[in-house]
Amino acid sequence: MLGLITRWLLSALALILTTKIVPGIQVASLTTLFVASLVLGLINAIVRPILIFFTLPLTIVTLGLFILIINGFTFWLAAHFVPGFHVTGFMAALFGAIVMSLLSFVFSFFIKTGEKLAH
């Protein structure tokens, strides 16, 4: 349970950093930030695998680059569902998804390193 909460908080941190880095992404409040990170996690866990499955031929033809489009779409979709979380266009969503992915990768590296040190 603690690991889930830690990942959620790190996702929220990644989202706030993304709003500072990528123009065109705004979060209205701290509550909106946490709700948006939760919705992003749910969409990435439920919708993203379905989209990847149905677009697999296109993903193969583009050598995996179409997954960037799917990531941008899921980022935009989260903004569509959360009031106060605004993404001005698809390019902002695409770059926001890329930045979020990179930050999440870095944060997950530190989580795994911390878990190894704890044992």
PDB file of N, CA and C in Angstrom:
ATOM      1  N   MET A   1       0.825  -1.199   0.000  1.00  0.00           N
ATOM      2  CA  MET A   1       0.000   0.000   0.000  1.00  0.00           C
ATOM      3  C   MET A   1       0.867   1.261   0.000  1.00  0.00           C
ATOM      4  N   LEU A   2       1.938   1.216   0.769  1.00  0.00           N
ATOM      5  CA  LEU A   2       2.839   2.363   0.825  1.00  0.00           C
ATOM      6  C   LEU A   2       3.494   2.611  -0.532  1.00  0.00           C
ATOM      7  N   GLY A   3       3.813   1.527  -1.237  1.00  0.00           N
ATOM      8  CA  GLY A   3       4.412   1.660  -2.564  1.00  0.00           C
ATOM      9  C   GLY A   3       3.465   2.316  -3.551  1.00  0.00           C
ATOM     10  N   LEU A   4       2.185   1.983  -3.460  1.00  0.00           N
ATOM     11  CA  LEU A   4       1.177   2.573  -4.341  1.00  0.00           C
ATOM     12  C   LEU A   4       1.037   4.077  -4.079  1.00  0.00           C
ATOM     13  N   ILE A   5       1.015   4.440  -2.816  1.00  0.00           N
ATOM     14  CA  ILE A   5       0.908   5.862  -2.453  1.00  0.00           C
ATOM     15  C   ILE A   5       2.163   6.617  -2.877  1.00  0.00           C
ATOM     16  N   THR A   6       3.311   5.980  -2.710  1.00  0.00           N
ATOM     17  CA  THR A   6       4.568   6.610  -3.131  1.00  0.00           C
ATOM     18  C   THR A   6       4.578   6.852  -4.631  1.00  0.00           C
ATOM     19  N   ARG A   7       4.142   5.876  -5.402  1.00  0.00           N
ATOM     20  CA  ARG A   7       4.093   6.041  -6.859  1.00  0.00           C
ATOM     21  C   ARG A   7       3.106   7.131  -7.260  1.00  0.00           C
ATOM     22  N   TRP A   8       1.980   7.206  -6.560  1.00  0.00           N
ATOM     23  CA  TRP A   8       0.990   8.237  -6.845  1.00  0.00           C
ATOM     24  C   TRP A   8       1.560   9.625  -6.557  1.00  0.00           C
ATOM     25  N   LEU A   9       2.257   9.778  -5.434  1.00  0.00           N
ATOM     26  CA  LEU A   9       2.863  11.064  -5.097  1.00  0.00           C
ATOM     27  C   LEU A   9       3.965  11.441  -6.092  1.00  0.00           C
ATOM     28  N   LEU A  10       4.739  10.455  -6.509  1.00  0.00           N
ATOM     29  CA  LEU A  10       5.780  10.734  -7.505  1.00  0.00           C
ATOM     30  C   LEU A  10       5.179  11.067  -8.863  1.00  0.00           C
ATOM     31  N   SER A  11       4.048  10.457  -9.180  1.00  0.00           N
ATOM     32  CA  SER A  11       3.350  10.802 -10.410  1.00  0.00           C
ATOM     33  C   SER A  11       2.846  12.248 -10.339  1.00  0.00           C
ATOM     34  N   ALA A  12       2.343  12.642  -9.190  1.00  0.00           N
ATOM     35  CA  ALA A  12       1.899  14.027  -9.010  1.00  0.00           C
ATOM     36  C   ALA A  12       3.086  14.986  -9.128  1.00  0.00           C
ATOM     37  N   LEU A  13       4.229  14.607  -8.569  1.00  0.00           N
ATOM     38  CA  LEU A  13       5.432  15.431  -8.699  1.00  0.00           C
ATOM     39  C   LEU A  13       5.856  15.528 -10.165  1.00  0.00           C
ATOM     40  N   ALA A  14       5.807  14.412 -10.872  1.00  0.00           N
ATOM     41  CA  ALA A  14       6.149  14.426 -12.299  1.00  0.00           C
ATOM     42  C   ALA A  14       5.185  15.313 -13.078  1.00  0.00           C
ATOM     43  N   LEU A  15       3.918  15.296 -12.707  1.00  0.00           N
ATOM     44  CA  LEU A  15       2.939  16.128 -13.405  1.00  0.00           C
ATOM     45  C   LEU A  15       3.181  17.609 -13.146  1.00  0.00           C
ATOM     46  N   ILE A  16       3.493  17.971 -11.918  1.00  0.00           N
ATOM     47  CA  ILE A  16       3.748  19.397 -11.636  1.00  0.00           C
ATOM     48  C   ILE A  16       5.018  19.856 -12.358  1.00  0.00           C
ATOM     49  N   LEU A  17       6.025  18.997 -12.420  1.00  0.00           N
ATOM     50  CA  LEU A  17       7.238  19.352 -13.173  1.00  0.00           C
ATOM     51  C   LEU A  17       6.939  19.463 -14.664  1.00  0.00           C
ATOM     52  N   THR A  18       6.058  18.606 -15.160  1.00  0.00           N
ATOM     53  CA  THR A  18       5.664  18.658 -16.564  1.00  0.00           C
ATOM     54  C   THR A  18       4.960  19.970 -16.874  1.00  0.00           C
ATOM     55  N   THR A  19       4.101  20.441 -15.957  1.00  0.00           N
ATOM     56  CA  THR A  19       3.422  21.724 -16.192  1.00  0.00           C
ATOM     57  C   THR A  19       4.416  22.876 -16.221  1.00  0.00           C
ATOM     58  N   LYS A  20       5.524  22.738 -15.515  1.00  0.00           N
ATOM     59  CA  LYS A  20       6.547  23.798 -15.512  1.00  0.00           C
ATOM     60  C   LYS A  20       7.414  23.742 -16.770  1.00  0.00           C
ATOM     61  N   ILE A  21       7.588  22.546 -17.331  1.00  0.00           N
ATOM     62  CA  ILE A  21       8.480  22.367 -18.480  1.00  0.00           C
ATOM     63  C   ILE A  21       7.760  22.584 -19.810  1.00  0.00           C
ATOM     64  N   VAL A  22       6.556  22.038 -19.936  1.00  0.00           N
ATOM     65  CA  VAL A  22       5.842  22.043 -21.217  1.00  0.00           C
ATOM     66  C   VAL A  22       4.818  23.166 -21.233  1.00  0.00           C
ATOM     67  N   PRO A  23       4.956  24.117 -22.155  1.00  0.00           N
ATOM     68  CA  PRO A  23       3.934  25.159 -22.255  1.00  0.00           C
ATOM     69  C   PRO A  23       2.625  24.567 -22.784  1.00  0.00           C
ATOM     70  N   GLY A  24       1.523  25.081 -22.295  1.00  0.00           N
ATOM     71  CA  GLY A  24       0.225  24.609 -22.753  1.00  0.00           C
ATOM     72  C   GLY A  24      -0.426  23.596 -21.838  1.00  0.00           C
ATOM     73  N   ILE A  25       0.213  23.288 -20.719  1.00  0.00           N
ATOM     74  CA  ILE A  25      -0.369  22.378 -19.734  1.00  0.00           C
ATOM     75  C   ILE A  25      -0.493  23.143 -18.426  1.00  0.00           C
ATOM     76  N   GLN A  26      -1.724  23.190 -17.907  1.00  0.00           N
ATOM     77  CA  GLN A  26      -1.976  23.897 -16.654  1.00  0.00           C
ATOM     78  C   GLN A  26      -2.771  23.012 -15.704  1.00  0.00           C
ATOM     79  N   VAL A  27      -2.481  23.159 -14.423  1.00  0.00           N
ATOM     80  CA  VAL A  27      -3.228  22.498 -13.370  1.00  0.00           C
ATOM     81  C   VAL A  27      -3.700  23.586 -12.423  1.00  0.00           C
ATOM     82  N   ALA A  28      -5.019  23.627 -12.163  1.00  0.00           N
ATOM     83  CA  ALA A  28      -5.623  24.734 -11.420  1.00  0.00           C
ATOM     84  C   ALA A  28      -5.279  24.726  -9.934  1.00  0.00           C
ATOM     85  N   SER A  29      -5.204  23.554  -9.319  1.00  0.00           N
ATOM     86  CA  SER A  29      -4.981  23.514  -7.870  1.00  0.00           C
ATOM     87  C   SER A  29      -4.243  22.233  -7.492  1.00  0.00           C
ATOM     88  N   LEU A  30      -3.883  22.155  -6.231  1.00  0.00           N
ATOM     89  CA  LEU A  30      -3.202  20.969  -5.730  1.00  0.00           C
ATOM     90  C   LEU A  30      -4.122  19.752  -5.764  1.00  0.00           C
ATOM     91  N   THR A  31      -5.384  19.955  -5.445  1.00  0.00           N
ATOM     92  CA  THR A  31      -6.360  18.861  -5.513  1.00  0.00           C
ATOM     93  C   THR A  31      -6.483  18.350  -6.941  1.00  0.00           C
ATOM     94  N   THR A  32      -6.562  19.274  -7.892  1.00  0.00           N
ATOM     95  CA  THR A  32      -6.641  18.893  -9.303  1.00  0.00           C
ATOM     96  C   THR A  32      -5.402  18.117  -9.712  1.00  0.00           C
ATOM     97  N   LEU A  33      -4.258  18.512  -9.205  1.00  0.00           N
ATOM     98  CA  LEU A  33      -3.001  17.830  -9.513  1.00  0.00           C
ATOM     99  C   LEU A  33      -3.060  16.368  -9.080  1.00  0.00           C
ATOM    100  N   PHE A  34      -3.520  16.117  -7.865  1.00  0.00           N
ATOM    101  CA  PHE A  34      -3.583  14.746  -7.369  1.00  0.00           C
ATOM    102  C   PHE A  34      -4.645  13.926  -8.098  1.00  0.00           C
ATOM    103  N   VAL A  35      -5.780  14.546  -8.390  1.00  0.00           N
ATOM    104  CA  VAL A  35      -6.829  13.844  -9.137  1.00  0.00           C
ATOM    105  C   VAL A  35      -6.340  13.527 -10.551  1.00  0.00           C
ATOM    106  N   ALA A  36      -5.671  14.486 -11.183  1.00  0.00           N
ATOM    107  CA  ALA A  36      -5.166  14.277 -12.544  1.00  0.00           C
ATOM    108  C   ALA A  36      -4.127  13.158 -12.577  1.00  0.00           C
ATOM    109  N   SER A  37      -3.249  13.103 -11.586  1.00  0.00           N
ATOM    110  CA  SER A  37      -2.253  12.018 -11.571  1.00  0.00           C
ATOM    111  C   SER A  37      -2.912  10.674 -11.341  1.00  0.00           C
ATOM    112  N   LEU A  38      -3.980  10.644 -10.544  1.00  0.00           N
ATOM    113  CA  LEU A  38      -4.717   9.407 -10.342  1.00  0.00           C
ATOM    114  C   LEU A  38      -5.423   8.971 -11.623  1.00  0.00           C
ATOM    115  N   VAL A  39      -6.074   9.913 -12.303  1.00  0.00           N
ATOM    116  CA  VAL A  39      -6.773   9.604 -13.553  1.00  0.00           C
ATOM    117  C   VAL A  39      -5.773   9.169 -14.629  1.00  0.00           C
ATOM    118  N   LEU A  40      -4.632   9.827 -14.693  1.00  0.00           N
ATOM    119  CA  LEU A  40      -3.591   9.408 -15.647  1.00  0.00           C
ATOM    120  C   LEU A  40      -3.166   7.963 -15.389  1.00  0.00           C
ATOM    121  N   GLY A  41      -2.983   7.622 -14.134  1.00  0.00           N
ATOM    122  CA  GLY A  41      -2.608   6.259 -13.789  1.00  0.00           C
ATOM    123  C   GLY A  41      -3.667   5.248 -14.181  1.00  0.00           C
ATOM    124  N   LEU A  42      -4.934   5.593 -13.931  1.00  0.00           N
ATOM    125  CA  LEU A  42      -6.025   4.689 -14.294  1.00  0.00           C
ATOM    126  C   LEU A  42      -6.150   4.523 -15.808  1.00  0.00           C
ATOM    127  N   ILE A  43      -6.043   5.622 -16.523  1.00  0.00           N
ATOM    128  CA  ILE A  43      -6.127   5.548 -17.991  1.00  0.00           C
ATOM    129  C   ILE A  43      -4.958   4.747 -18.547  1.00  0.00           C
ATOM    130  N   ASN A  44      -3.771   4.958 -17.996  1.00  0.00           N
ATOM    131  CA  ASN A  44      -2.607   4.207 -18.471  1.00  0.00           C
ATOM    132  C   ASN A  44      -2.698   2.727 -18.120  1.00  0.00           C
ATOM    133  N   ALA A  45      -3.421   2.398 -17.054  1.00  0.00           N
ATOM    134  CA  ALA A  45      -3.560   0.999 -16.664  1.00  0.00           C
ATOM    135  C   ALA A  45      -4.686   0.295 -17.416  1.00  0.00           C
ATOM    136  N   ILE A  46      -5.731   1.032 -17.808  1.00  0.00           N
ATOM    137  CA  ILE A  46      -6.904   0.399 -18.401  1.00  0.00           C
ATOM    138  C   ILE A  46      -7.005   0.667 -19.904  1.00  0.00           C
ATOM    139  N   VAL A  47      -6.985   1.929 -20.301  1.00  0.00           N
ATOM    140  CA  VAL A  47      -7.242   2.300 -21.697  1.00  0.00           C
ATOM    141  C   VAL A  47      -6.014   2.082 -22.584  1.00  0.00           C
ATOM    142  N   ARG A  48      -4.848   2.448 -22.099  1.00  0.00           N
ATOM    143  CA  ARG A  48      -3.637   2.383 -22.916  1.00  0.00           C
ATOM    144  C   ARG A  48      -3.340   0.971 -23.439  1.00  0.00           C
ATOM    145  N   PRO A  49      -3.429  -0.080 -22.612  1.00  0.00           N
ATOM    146  CA  PRO A  49      -3.177  -1.428 -23.169  1.00  0.00           C
ATOM    147  C   PRO A  49      -4.174  -1.823 -24.257  1.00  0.00           C
ATOM    148  N   ILE A  50      -5.417  -1.401 -24.115  1.00  0.00           N
ATOM    149  CA  ILE A  50      -6.424  -1.713 -25.135  1.00  0.00           C
ATOM    150  C   ILE A  50      -6.075  -0.999 -26.443  1.00  0.00           C
ATOM    151  N   LEU A  51      -5.688   0.277 -26.333  1.00  0.00           N
ATOM    152  CA  LEU A  51      -5.300   1.022 -27.534  1.00  0.00           C
ATOM    153  C   LEU A  51      -4.074   0.415 -28.196  1.00  0.00           C
ATOM    154  N   ILE A  52      -3.112   0.005 -27.394  1.00  0.00           N
ATOM    155  CA  ILE A  52      -1.903  -0.604 -27.958  1.00  0.00           C
ATOM    156  C   ILE A  52      -2.250  -1.911 -28.671  1.00  0.00           C
ATOM    157  N   PHE A  53      -3.142  -2.696 -28.091  1.00  0.00           N
ATOM    158  CA  PHE A  53      -3.545  -3.958 -28.725  1.00  0.00           C
ATOM    159  C   PHE A  53      -4.195  -3.718 -30.086  1.00  0.00           C
ATOM    160  N   PHE A  54      -5.134  -2.774 -30.130  1.00  0.00           N
ATOM    161  CA  PHE A  54      -5.865  -2.554 -31.379  1.00  0.00           C
ATOM    162  C   PHE A  54      -5.044  -1.825 -32.445  1.00  0.00           C
ATOM    163  N   THR A  55      -4.015  -1.134 -32.047  1.00  0.00           N
ATOM    164  CA  THR A  55      -3.174  -0.435 -33.026  1.00  0.00           C
ATOM    165  C   THR A  55      -1.836  -1.136 -33.229  1.00  0.00           C
ATOM    166  N   LEU A  56      -1.742  -2.386 -32.814  1.00  0.00           N
ATOM    167  CA  LEU A  56      -0.479  -3.114 -32.919  1.00  0.00           C
ATOM    168  C   LEU A  56       0.087  -3.159 -34.338  1.00  0.00           C
ATOM    169  N   PRO A  57      -0.721  -3.411 -35.372  1.00  0.00           N
ATOM    170  CA  PRO A  57      -0.137  -3.404 -36.728  1.00  0.00           C
ATOM    171  C   PRO A  57       0.486  -2.047 -37.088  1.00  0.00           C
ATOM    172  N   LEU A  58      -0.196  -0.963 -36.733  1.00  0.00           N
ATOM    173  CA  LEU A  58       0.342   0.367 -37.013  1.00  0.00           C
ATOM    174  C   LEU A  58       1.609   0.635 -36.190  1.00  0.00           C
ATOM    175  N   THR A  59       1.615   0.148 -34.972  1.00  0.00           N
ATOM    176  CA  THR A  59       2.793   0.301 -34.122  1.00  0.00           C
ATOM    177  C   THR A  59       3.975  -0.462 -34.700  1.00  0.00           C
ATOM    178  N   ILE A  60       3.728  -1.642 -35.226  1.00  0.00           N
ATOM    179  CA  ILE A  60       4.801  -2.437 -35.827  1.00  0.00           C
ATOM    180  C   ILE A  60       5.335  -1.750 -37.075  1.00  0.00           C
ATOM    181  N   VAL A  61       4.436  -1.242 -37.923  1.00  0.00           N
ATOM    182  CA  VAL A  61       4.851  -0.567 -39.160  1.00  0.00           C
ATOM    183  C   VAL A  61       5.687   0.668 -38.857  1.00  0.00           C
ATOM    184  N   THR A  62       5.335   1.385 -37.795  1.00  0.00           N
ATOM    185  CA  THR A  62       6.067   2.610 -37.447  1.00  0.00           C
ATOM    186  C   THR A  62       7.232   2.344 -36.493  1.00  0.00           C
ATOM    187  N   LEU A  63       7.546   1.065 -36.320  1.00  0.00           N
ATOM    188  CA  LEU A  63       8.655   0.648 -35.443  1.00  0.00           C
ATOM    189  C   LEU A  63       8.492   1.168 -34.013  1.00  0.00           C
ATOM    190  N   GLY A  64       7.270   1.183 -33.545  1.00  0.00           N
ATOM    191  CA  GLY A  64       6.985   1.563 -32.169  1.00  0.00           C
ATOM    192  C   GLY A  64       6.708   3.032 -31.928  1.00  0.00           C
ATOM    193  N   LEU A  65       6.908   3.862 -32.937  1.00  0.00           N
ATOM    194  CA  LEU A  65       6.716   5.300 -32.744  1.00  0.00           C
ATOM    195  C   LEU A  65       5.254   5.687 -32.527  1.00  0.00           C
ATOM    196  N   PHE A  66       4.327   4.848 -32.976  1.00  0.00           N
ATOM    197  CA  PHE A  66       2.914   5.163 -32.788  1.00  0.00           C
ATOM    198  C   PHE A  66       2.530   5.144 -31.308  1.00  0.00           C
ATOM    199  N   ILE A  67       3.308   4.476 -30.484  1.00  0.00           N
ATOM    200  CA  ILE A  67       3.036   4.473 -29.048  1.00  0.00           C
ATOM    201  C   ILE A  67       3.148   5.886 -28.482  1.00  0.00           C
ATOM    202  N   LEU A  68       3.993   6.723 -29.067  1.00  0.00           N
ATOM    203  CA  LEU A  68       4.066   8.124 -28.637  1.00  0.00           C
ATOM    204  C   LEU A  68       2.733   8.827 -28.866  1.00  0.00           C
ATOM    205  N   ILE A  69       2.091   8.536 -29.983  1.00  0.00           N
ATOM    206  CA  ILE A  69       0.781   9.116 -30.275  1.00  0.00           C
ATOM    207  C   ILE A  69      -0.252   8.621 -29.257  1.00  0.00           C
ATOM    208  N   ILE A  70      -0.195   7.336 -28.933  1.00  0.00           N
ATOM    209  CA  ILE A  70      -1.116   6.783 -27.937  1.00  0.00           C
ATOM    210  C   ILE A  70      -0.880   7.439 -26.581  1.00  0.00           C
ATOM    211  N   ASN A  71       0.370   7.628 -26.204  1.00  0.00           N
ATOM    212  CA  ASN A  71       0.675   8.286 -24.931  1.00  0.00           C
ATOM    213  C   ASN A  71       0.139   9.716 -24.904  1.00  0.00           C
ATOM    214  N   GLY A  72       0.306  10.437 -26.006  1.00  0.00           N
ATOM    215  CA  GLY A  72      -0.230  11.796 -26.090  1.00  0.00           C
ATOM    216  C   GLY A  72      -1.743  11.801 -25.997  1.00  0.00           C
ATOM    217  N   PHE A  73      -2.384  10.827 -26.635  1.00  0.00           N
ATOM    218  CA  PHE A  73      -3.840  10.736 -26.575  1.00  0.00           C
ATOM    219  C   PHE A  73      -4.324  10.445 -25.162  1.00  0.00           C
ATOM    220  N   THR A  74      -3.651   9.541 -24.459  1.00  0.00           N
ATOM    221  CA  THR A  74      -4.076   9.227 -23.095  1.00  0.00           C
ATOM    222  C   THR A  74      -3.861  10.429 -22.167  1.00  0.00           C
ATOM    223  N   PHE A  75      -2.814  11.196 -22.410  1.00  0.00           N
ATOM    224  CA  PHE A  75      -2.570  12.415 -21.627  1.00  0.00           C
ATOM    225  C   PHE A  75      -3.691  13.428 -21.882  1.00  0.00           C
ATOM    226  N   TRP A  76      -4.048  13.597 -23.152  1.00  0.00           N
ATOM    227  CA  TRP A  76      -5.138  14.507 -23.506  1.00  0.00           C
ATOM    228  C   TRP A  76      -6.459  14.014 -22.927  1.00  0.00           C
ATOM    229  N   LEU A  77      -6.683  12.700 -22.953  1.00  0.00           N
ATOM    230  CA  LEU A  77      -7.911  12.119 -22.432  1.00  0.00           C
ATOM    231  C   LEU A  77      -8.053  12.378 -20.931  1.00  0.00           C
ATOM    232  N   ALA A  78      -6.967  12.261 -20.207  1.00  0.00           N
ATOM    233  CA  ALA A  78      -7.002  12.563 -18.770  1.00  0.00           C
ATOM    234  C   ALA A  78      -7.378  14.019 -18.538  1.00  0.00           C
ATOM    235  N   ALA A  79      -6.833  14.912 -19.350  1.00  0.00           N
ATOM    236  CA  ALA A  79      -7.161  16.337 -19.214  1.00  0.00           C
ATOM    237  C   ALA A  79      -8.624  16.587 -19.548  1.00  0.00           C
ATOM    238  N   HIS A  80      -9.167  15.782 -20.439  1.00  0.00           N
ATOM    239  CA  HIS A  80     -10.576  15.923 -20.814  1.00  0.00           C
ATOM    240  C   HIS A  80     -11.497  15.541 -19.653  1.00  0.00           C
ATOM    241  N   PHE A  81     -11.091  14.571 -18.842  1.00  0.00           N
ATOM    242  CA  PHE A  81     -11.925  14.083 -17.754  1.00  0.00           C
ATOM    243  C   PHE A  81     -11.778  14.858 -16.448  1.00  0.00           C
ATOM    244  N   VAL A  82     -10.663  15.555 -16.259  1.00  0.00           N
ATOM    245  CA  VAL A  82     -10.411  16.223 -14.980  1.00  0.00           C
ATOM    246  C   VAL A  82     -10.605  17.729 -15.131  1.00  0.00           C
ATOM    247  N   PRO A  83     -11.622  18.281 -14.472  1.00  0.00           N
ATOM    248  CA  PRO A  83     -11.806  19.736 -14.516  1.00  0.00           C
ATOM    249  C   PRO A  83     -10.629  20.435 -13.826  1.00  0.00           C
ATOM    250  N   GLY A  84     -10.123  21.469 -14.455  1.00  0.00           N
ATOM    251  CA  GLY A  84      -8.984  22.199 -13.902  1.00  0.00           C
ATOM    252  C   GLY A  84      -7.636  21.734 -14.419  1.00  0.00           C
ATOM    253  N   PHE A  85      -7.620  20.644 -15.171  1.00  0.00           N
ATOM    254  CA  PHE A  85      -6.401  20.142 -15.809  1.00  0.00           C
ATOM    255  C   PHE A  85      -6.562  20.410 -17.294  1.00  0.00           C
ATOM    256  N   HIS A  86      -5.778  21.356 -17.821  1.00  0.00           N
ATOM    257  CA  HIS A  86      -5.952  21.819 -19.188  1.00  0.00           C
ATOM    258  C   HIS A  86      -4.714  21.527 -20.034  1.00  0.00           C
ATOM    259  N   VAL A  87      -4.966  20.978 -21.217  1.00  0.00           N
ATOM    260  CA  VAL A  87      -3.925  20.768 -22.222  1.00  0.00           C
ATOM    261  C   VAL A  87      -4.418  21.475 -23.473  1.00  0.00           C
ATOM    262  N   THR A  88      -3.637  22.449 -23.976  1.00  0.00           N
ATOM    263  CA  THR A  88      -4.129  23.321 -25.041  1.00  0.00           C
ATOM    264  C   THR A  88      -4.185  22.683 -26.419  1.00  0.00           C
ATOM    265  N   GLY A  89      -3.431  21.649 -26.649  1.00  0.00           N
ATOM    266  CA  GLY A  89      -3.463  21.034 -27.973  1.00  0.00           C
ATOM    267  C   GLY A  89      -2.773  19.686 -27.951  1.00  0.00           C
ATOM    268  N   PHE A  90      -2.800  19.011 -29.106  1.00  0.00           N
ATOM    269  CA  PHE A  90      -2.211  17.678 -29.143  1.00  0.00           C
ATOM    270  C   PHE A  90      -0.695  17.713 -28.979  1.00  0.00           C
ATOM    271  N   MET A  91      -0.031  18.739 -29.513  1.00  0.00           N
ATOM    272  CA  MET A  91       1.430  18.804 -29.367  1.00  0.00           C
ATOM    273  C   MET A  91       1.811  18.973 -27.900  1.00  0.00           C
ATOM    274  N   ALA A  92       1.051  19.781 -27.167  1.00  0.00           N
ATOM    275  CA  ALA A  92       1.308  19.924 -25.728  1.00  0.00           C
ATOM    276  C   ALA A  92       1.083  18.585 -25.028  1.00  0.00           C
ATOM    277  N   ALA A  93       0.028  17.862 -25.438  1.00  0.00           N
ATOM    278  CA  ALA A  93      -0.245  16.546 -24.848  1.00  0.00           C
ATOM    279  C   ALA A  93       0.871  15.569 -25.175  1.00  0.00           C
ATOM    280  N   LEU A  94       1.352  15.599 -26.410  1.00  0.00           N
ATOM    281  CA  LEU A  94       2.425  14.699 -26.828  1.00  0.00           C
ATOM    282  C   LEU A  94       3.703  14.974 -26.047  1.00  0.00           C
ATOM    283  N   PHE A  95       4.112  16.241 -25.980  1.00  0.00           N
ATOM    284  CA  PHE A  95       5.325  16.582 -25.236  1.00  0.00           C
ATOM    285  C   PHE A  95       5.137  16.366 -23.737  1.00  0.00           C
ATOM    286  N   GLY A  96       3.930  16.629 -23.238  1.00  0.00           N
ATOM    287  CA  GLY A  96       3.645  16.365 -21.834  1.00  0.00           C
ATOM    288  C   GLY A  96       3.763  14.890 -21.504  1.00  0.00           C
ATOM    289  N   ALA A  97       3.259  14.039 -22.392  1.00  0.00           N
ATOM    290  CA  ALA A  97       3.360  12.592 -22.180  1.00  0.00           C
ATOM    291  C   ALA A  97       4.814  12.132 -22.217  1.00  0.00           C
ATOM    292  N   ILE A  98       5.594  12.714 -23.106  1.00  0.00           N
ATOM    293  CA  ILE A  98       7.017  12.344 -23.192  1.00  0.00           C
ATOM    294  C   ILE A  98       7.749  12.754 -21.918  1.00  0.00           C
ATOM    295  N   VAL A  99       7.518  13.970 -21.463  1.00  0.00           N
ATOM    296  CA  VAL A  99       8.178  14.455 -20.246  1.00  0.00           C
ATOM    297  C   VAL A  99       7.736  13.628 -19.040  1.00  0.00           C
ATOM    298  N   MET A 100       6.415  13.355 -18.948  1.00  0.00           N
ATOM    299  CA  MET A 100       5.918  12.528 -17.839  1.00  0.00           C
ATOM    300  C   MET A 100       6.551  11.142 -17.867  1.00  0.00           C
ATOM    301  N   SER A 101       6.689  10.562 -19.046  1.00  0.00           N
ATOM    302  CA  SER A 101       7.300   9.237 -19.159  1.00  0.00           C
ATOM    303  C   SER A 101       8.748   9.253 -18.699  1.00  0.00           C
ATOM    304  N   LEU A 102       9.488  10.262 -19.127  1.00  0.00           N
ATOM    305  CA  LEU A 102      10.891  10.360 -18.723  1.00  0.00           C
ATOM    306  C   LEU A 102      11.034  10.565 -17.214  1.00  0.00           C
ATOM    307  N   LEU A 103      10.223  11.461 -16.668  1.00  0.00           N
ATOM    308  CA  LEU A 103      10.283  11.706 -15.226  1.00  0.00           C
ATOM    309  C   LEU A 103       9.857  10.471 -14.438  1.00  0.00           C
ATOM    310  N   SER A 104       8.829   9.794 -14.885  1.00  0.00           N
ATOM    311  CA  SER A 104       8.376   8.578 -14.202  1.00  0.00           C
ATOM    312  C   SER A 104       9.447   7.491 -14.260  1.00  0.00           C
ATOM    313  N   PHE A 105      10.134   7.401 -15.387  1.00  0.00           N
ATOM    314  CA  PHE A 105      11.230   6.439 -15.510  1.00  0.00           C
ATOM    315  C   PHE A 105      12.329   6.743 -14.497  1.00  0.00           C
ATOM    316  N   VAL A 106      12.705   8.002 -14.402  1.00  0.00           N
ATOM    317  CA  VAL A 106      13.756   8.398 -13.452  1.00  0.00           C
ATOM    318  C   VAL A 106      13.308   8.129 -12.023  1.00  0.00           C
ATOM    319  N   PHE A 107      12.067   8.496 -11.696  1.00  0.00           N
ATOM    320  CA  PHE A 107      11.559   8.278 -10.343  1.00  0.00           C
ATOM    321  C   PHE A 107      11.463   6.787 -10.018  1.00  0.00           C
ATOM    322  N   SER A 108      11.045   5.980 -10.976  1.00  0.00           N
ATOM    323  CA  SER A 108      10.934   4.546 -10.712  1.00  0.00           C
ATOM    324  C   SER A 108      12.317   3.930 -10.500  1.00  0.00           C
ATOM    325  N   PHE A 109      13.325   4.476 -11.148  1.00  0.00           N
ATOM    326  CA  PHE A 109      14.694   4.015 -10.920  1.00  0.00           C
ATOM    327  C   PHE A 109      15.093   4.245  -9.470  1.00  0.00           C
ATOM    328  N   PHE A 110      14.748   5.424  -8.933  1.00  0.00           N
ATOM    329  CA  PHE A 110      15.091   5.723  -7.549  1.00  0.00           C
ATOM    330  C   PHE A 110      14.263   4.895  -6.571  1.00  0.00           C
ATOM    331  N   ILE A 111      13.026   4.579  -6.918  1.00  0.00           N
ATOM    332  CA  ILE A 111      12.204   3.732  -6.052  1.00  0.00           C
ATOM    333  C   ILE A 111      12.804   2.338  -5.981  1.00  0.00           C
ATOM    334  N   LYS A 112      13.199   1.782  -7.128  1.00  0.00           N
ATOM    335  CA  LYS A 112      13.787   0.448  -7.142  1.00  0.00           C
ATOM    336  C   LYS A 112      15.122   0.429  -6.412  1.00  0.00           C
ATOM    337  N   THR A 113      15.916   1.500  -6.561  1.00  0.00           N
ATOM    338  CA  THR A 113      17.187   1.585  -5.862  1.00  0.00           C
ATOM    339  C   THR A 113      16.952   1.650  -4.363  1.00  0.00           C
ATOM    340  N   GLY A 114      15.956   2.428  -3.943  1.00  0.00           N
ATOM    341  CA  GLY A 114      15.632   2.538  -2.518  1.00  0.00           C
ATOM    342  C   GLY A 114      15.131   1.222  -1.951  1.00  0.00           C
ATOM    343  N   GLU A 115      14.355   0.457  -2.728  1.00  0.00           N
ATOM    344  CA  GLU A 115      13.874  -0.845  -2.266  1.00  0.00           C
ATOM    345  C   GLU A 115      15.022  -1.815  -2.105  1.00  0.00           C
ATOM    346  N   LYS A 116      16.007  -1.772  -2.994  1.00  0.00           N
ATOM    347  CA  LYS A 116      17.157  -2.668  -2.876  1.00  0.00           C
ATOM    348  C   LYS A 116      17.988  -2.313  -1.661  1.00  0.00           C
ATOM    349  N   LEU A 117      18.111  -1.011  -1.379  1.00  0.00           N
ATOM    350  CA  LEU A 117      18.893  -0.601  -0.222  1.00  0.00           C
ATOM    351  C   LEU A 117      18.194  -0.956   1.083  1.00  0.00           C
ATOM    352  N   ALA A 118      16.869  -0.961   1.083  1.00  0.00           N
ATOM    353  CA  ALA A 118      16.109  -1.257   2.301  1.00  0.00           C
ATOM    354  C   ALA A 118      16.225  -2.732   2.689  1.00  0.00           C
ATOM    355  N   HIS A 119      16.445  -3.602   1.710  1.00  0.00           N
ATOM    356  CA  HIS A 119      16.497  -5.035   2.025  1.00  0.00           C
ATOM    357  C   HIS A 119      17.847  -5.426   2.424  1.00  0.00           C
TER     358      HIS A 119
END
